[in-house]
Amino acid sequence: MLAIGTQIKKVRTKNQMTQKELAEVLKTTPQTISEWENNMSTPPVEALIDLSRHFKLSVDELLGNQQTAFFDSLLSKKQERKELIKKFGHQLPDILPDQFNQKDQ
């Protein structure tokens, strides 16, 4: 996992923003953004939430967490199963394990 400051800088530069522009969005100073990006200080939780909203990322993604959250993984598998049932219907018993054939409860 990357240090939070490194991740903030990565996301900011990817979105072609200056420290000053990001500071304006977050209602802080460019110096504060610089301190975060250089890992001299860490942003408060409120700033992390604002950053995640601005860049349309989860806080986990912003923090560099690459693991899928349990519930996201579970919901993704359920959606995949629904799509497979819709697409292949009657063929499912032949191509997927029994757990994928069970109807939603």
C-alpha atoms as a PDB file:
ATOM      1  CA  MET A   1       0.000   0.000   0.000  1.00  0.00           C
ATOM      2  CA  LEU A   2       1.298   3.430  -0.945  1.00  0.00           C
ATOM      3  CA  ALA A   3       1.700   6.168   1.630  1.00  0.00           C
ATOM      4  CA  ILE A   4      -1.402   8.364   1.595  1.00  0.00           C
ATOM      5  CA  GLY A   5       0.554  11.424   0.423  1.00  0.00           C
ATOM      6  CA  THR A   6       2.002   9.536  -2.527  1.00  0.00           C
ATOM      7  CA  GLN A   7      -1.467   8.346  -3.460  1.00  0.00           C
ATOM      8  CA  ILE A   8      -2.964  11.858  -3.209  1.00  0.00           C
ATOM      9  CA  LYS A   9      -0.252  13.213  -5.489  1.00  0.00           C
ATOM     10  CA  LYS A  10      -0.764  10.357  -7.938  1.00  0.00           C
ATOM     11  CA  VAL A  11      -4.515  10.977  -8.142  1.00  0.00           C
ATOM     12  CA  ARG A  12      -4.097  14.763  -8.324  1.00  0.00           C
ATOM     13  CA  THR A  13      -1.559  14.653 -11.152  1.00  0.00           C
ATOM     14  CA  LYS A  14      -3.540  12.006 -13.010  1.00  0.00           C
ATOM     15  CA  ASN A  15      -6.437  14.458 -12.972  1.00  0.00           C
ATOM     16  CA  GLN A  16      -4.150  17.277 -14.125  1.00  0.00           C
ATOM     17  CA  MET A  17      -4.726  19.441 -11.076  1.00  0.00           C
ATOM     18  CA  THR A  18      -2.255  21.723  -9.361  1.00  0.00           C
ATOM     19  CA  GLN A  19      -1.840  21.745  -5.603  1.00  0.00           C
ATOM     20  CA  LYS A  20      -3.456  25.185  -5.611  1.00  0.00           C
ATOM     21  CA  GLU A  21      -6.529  23.919  -7.500  1.00  0.00           C
ATOM     22  CA  LEU A  22      -6.930  20.958  -5.175  1.00  0.00           C
ATOM     23  CA  ALA A  23      -6.488  23.220  -2.159  1.00  0.00           C
ATOM     24  CA  GLU A  24      -9.331  25.431  -3.425  1.00  0.00           C
ATOM     25  CA  VAL A  25     -11.612  22.417  -3.839  1.00  0.00           C
ATOM     26  CA  LEU A  26     -10.812  21.228  -0.306  1.00  0.00           C
ATOM     27  CA  LYS A  27     -10.892  24.738   1.198  1.00  0.00           C
ATOM     28  CA  THR A  28      -7.329  24.470   2.463  1.00  0.00           C
ATOM     29  CA  THR A  29      -3.936  25.827   1.422  1.00  0.00           C
ATOM     30  CA  PRO A  30      -1.483  24.600  -1.209  1.00  0.00           C
ATOM     31  CA  GLN A  31       1.034  24.251   1.623  1.00  0.00           C
ATOM     32  CA  THR A  32      -1.255  21.760   3.357  1.00  0.00           C
ATOM     33  CA  ILE A  33      -1.601  19.751   0.136  1.00  0.00           C
ATOM     34  CA  SER A  34       2.201  19.787  -0.195  1.00  0.00           C
ATOM     35  CA  GLU A  35       2.619  18.533   3.375  1.00  0.00           C
ATOM     36  CA  TRP A  36       0.194  15.680   2.699  1.00  0.00           C
ATOM     37  CA  GLU A  37       1.877  14.733  -0.573  1.00  0.00           C
ATOM     38  CA  ASN A  38       5.314  14.754   1.041  1.00  0.00           C
ATOM     39  CA  ASN A  39       4.008  12.617   3.912  1.00  0.00           C
ATOM     40  CA  MET A  40       4.856  15.330   6.435  1.00  0.00           C
ATOM     41  CA  SER A  41       1.305  15.246   7.748  1.00  0.00           C
ATOM     42  CA  THR A  42      -1.844  13.255   7.066  1.00  0.00           C
ATOM     43  CA  PRO A  43      -5.180  14.606   5.939  1.00  0.00           C
ATOM     44  CA  PRO A  44      -8.069  14.505   8.389  1.00  0.00           C
ATOM     45  CA  VAL A  45     -10.870  12.031   7.740  1.00  0.00           C
ATOM     46  CA  GLU A  46     -13.112  14.802   6.407  1.00  0.00           C
ATOM     47  CA  ALA A  47     -10.499  15.686   3.786  1.00  0.00           C
ATOM     48  CA  LEU A  48     -10.198  12.037   2.736  1.00  0.00           C
ATOM     49  CA  ILE A  49     -13.950  11.890   2.246  1.00  0.00           C
ATOM     50  CA  ASP A  50     -13.911  15.131   0.238  1.00  0.00           C
ATOM     51  CA  LEU A  51     -11.008  13.822  -1.866  1.00  0.00           C
ATOM     52  CA  SER A  52     -12.807  10.561  -2.553  1.00  0.00           C
ATOM     53  CA  ARG A  53     -15.962  12.403  -3.597  1.00  0.00           C
ATOM     54  CA  HIS A  54     -14.077  14.857  -5.785  1.00  0.00           C
ATOM     55  CA  PHE A  55     -12.092  12.181  -7.598  1.00  0.00           C
ATOM     56  CA  LYS A  56     -15.002   9.689  -7.571  1.00  0.00           C
ATOM     57  CA  LEU A  57     -12.962   7.042  -5.748  1.00  0.00           C
ATOM     58  CA  SER A  58     -13.679   5.090  -2.618  1.00  0.00           C
ATOM     59  CA  VAL A  59     -11.602   6.012   0.413  1.00  0.00           C
ATOM     60  CA  ASP A  60     -10.056   2.524   0.114  1.00  0.00           C
ATOM     61  CA  GLU A  61      -8.950   3.280  -3.438  1.00  0.00           C
ATOM     62  CA  LEU A  62      -7.656   6.666  -2.366  1.00  0.00           C
ATOM     63  CA  LEU A  63      -5.627   4.995   0.365  1.00  0.00           C
ATOM     64  CA  GLY A  64      -4.194   2.597  -2.200  1.00  0.00           C
ATOM     65  CA  ASN A  65      -6.038  -0.464  -0.919  1.00  0.00           C
ATOM     66  CA  GLN A  66      -6.214  -2.843  -3.861  1.00  0.00           C
ATOM     67  CA  GLN A  67      -8.198  -5.575  -2.131  1.00  0.00           C
ATOM     68  CA  THR A  68     -11.873  -5.768  -2.911  1.00  0.00           C
ATOM     69  CA  ALA A  69     -14.067  -5.274   0.114  1.00  0.00           C
ATOM     70  CA  PHE A  70     -15.978  -8.395   1.155  1.00  0.00           C
ATOM     71  CA  PHE A  71     -19.433  -6.989   0.426  1.00  0.00           C
ATOM     72  CA  ASP A  72     -18.349  -5.535  -2.919  1.00  0.00           C
ATOM     73  CA  SER A  73     -16.970  -8.934  -3.866  1.00  0.00           C
ATOM     74  CA  LEU A  74     -20.127 -10.698  -2.738  1.00  0.00           C
ATOM     75  CA  LEU A  75     -22.410  -8.313  -4.631  1.00  0.00           C
ATOM     76  CA  SER A  76     -20.230  -8.571  -7.707  1.00  0.00           C
ATOM     77  CA  LYS A  77     -20.491 -12.370  -7.695  1.00  0.00           C
ATOM     78  CA  LYS A  78     -24.270 -12.165  -7.276  1.00  0.00           C
ATOM     79  CA  GLN A  79     -24.508  -9.763 -10.223  1.00  0.00           C
ATOM     80  CA  GLU A  80     -22.249 -11.997 -12.333  1.00  0.00           C
ATOM     81  CA  ARG A  81     -24.486 -14.965 -11.548  1.00  0.00           C
ATOM     82  CA  LYS A  82     -27.615 -13.033 -12.562  1.00  0.00           C
ATOM     83  CA  GLU A  83     -25.980 -12.011 -15.834  1.00  0.00           C
ATOM     84  CA  LEU A  84     -24.933 -15.591 -16.568  1.00  0.00           C
ATOM     85  CA  ILE A  85     -28.420 -16.913 -15.813  1.00  0.00           C
ATOM     86  CA  LYS A  86     -29.930 -14.278 -18.086  1.00  0.00           C
ATOM     87  CA  LYS A  87     -27.460 -15.008 -20.879  1.00  0.00           C
ATOM     88  CA  PHE A  88     -27.227 -18.801 -20.737  1.00  0.00           C
ATOM     89  CA  GLY A  89     -30.423 -19.803 -18.941  1.00  0.00           C
ATOM     90  CA  HIS A  90     -30.999 -23.533 -19.406  1.00  0.00           C
ATOM     91  CA  GLN A  91     -27.308 -24.276 -20.168  1.00  0.00           C
ATOM     92  CA  LEU A  92     -26.114 -23.393 -16.674  1.00  0.00           C
ATOM     93  CA  PRO A  93     -26.263 -26.906 -15.177  1.00  0.00           C
ATOM     94  CA  ASP A  94     -23.752 -28.057 -17.785  1.00  0.00           C
ATOM     95  CA  ILE A  95     -21.226 -25.219 -17.479  1.00  0.00           C
ATOM     96  CA  LEU A  96     -21.295 -23.985 -13.872  1.00  0.00           C
ATOM     97  CA  PRO A  97     -21.086 -25.553 -10.420  1.00  0.00           C
ATOM     98  CA  ASP A  98     -24.353 -26.107  -8.555  1.00  0.00           C
ATOM     99  CA  GLN A  99     -23.898 -23.028  -6.357  1.00  0.00           C
ATOM    100  CA  PHE A 100     -24.353 -20.813  -9.416  1.00  0.00           C
ATOM    101  CA  ASN A 101     -27.585 -22.529 -10.365  1.00  0.00           C
ATOM    102  CA  GLN A 102     -29.435 -21.800  -7.171  1.00  0.00           C
ATOM    103  CA  LYS A 103     -32.174 -19.242  -7.434  1.00  0.00           C
ATOM    104  CA  ASP A 104     -31.895 -16.006  -5.461  1.00  0.00           C
ATOM    105  CA  GLN A 105     -33.655 -16.206  -2.146  1.00  0.00           C
END
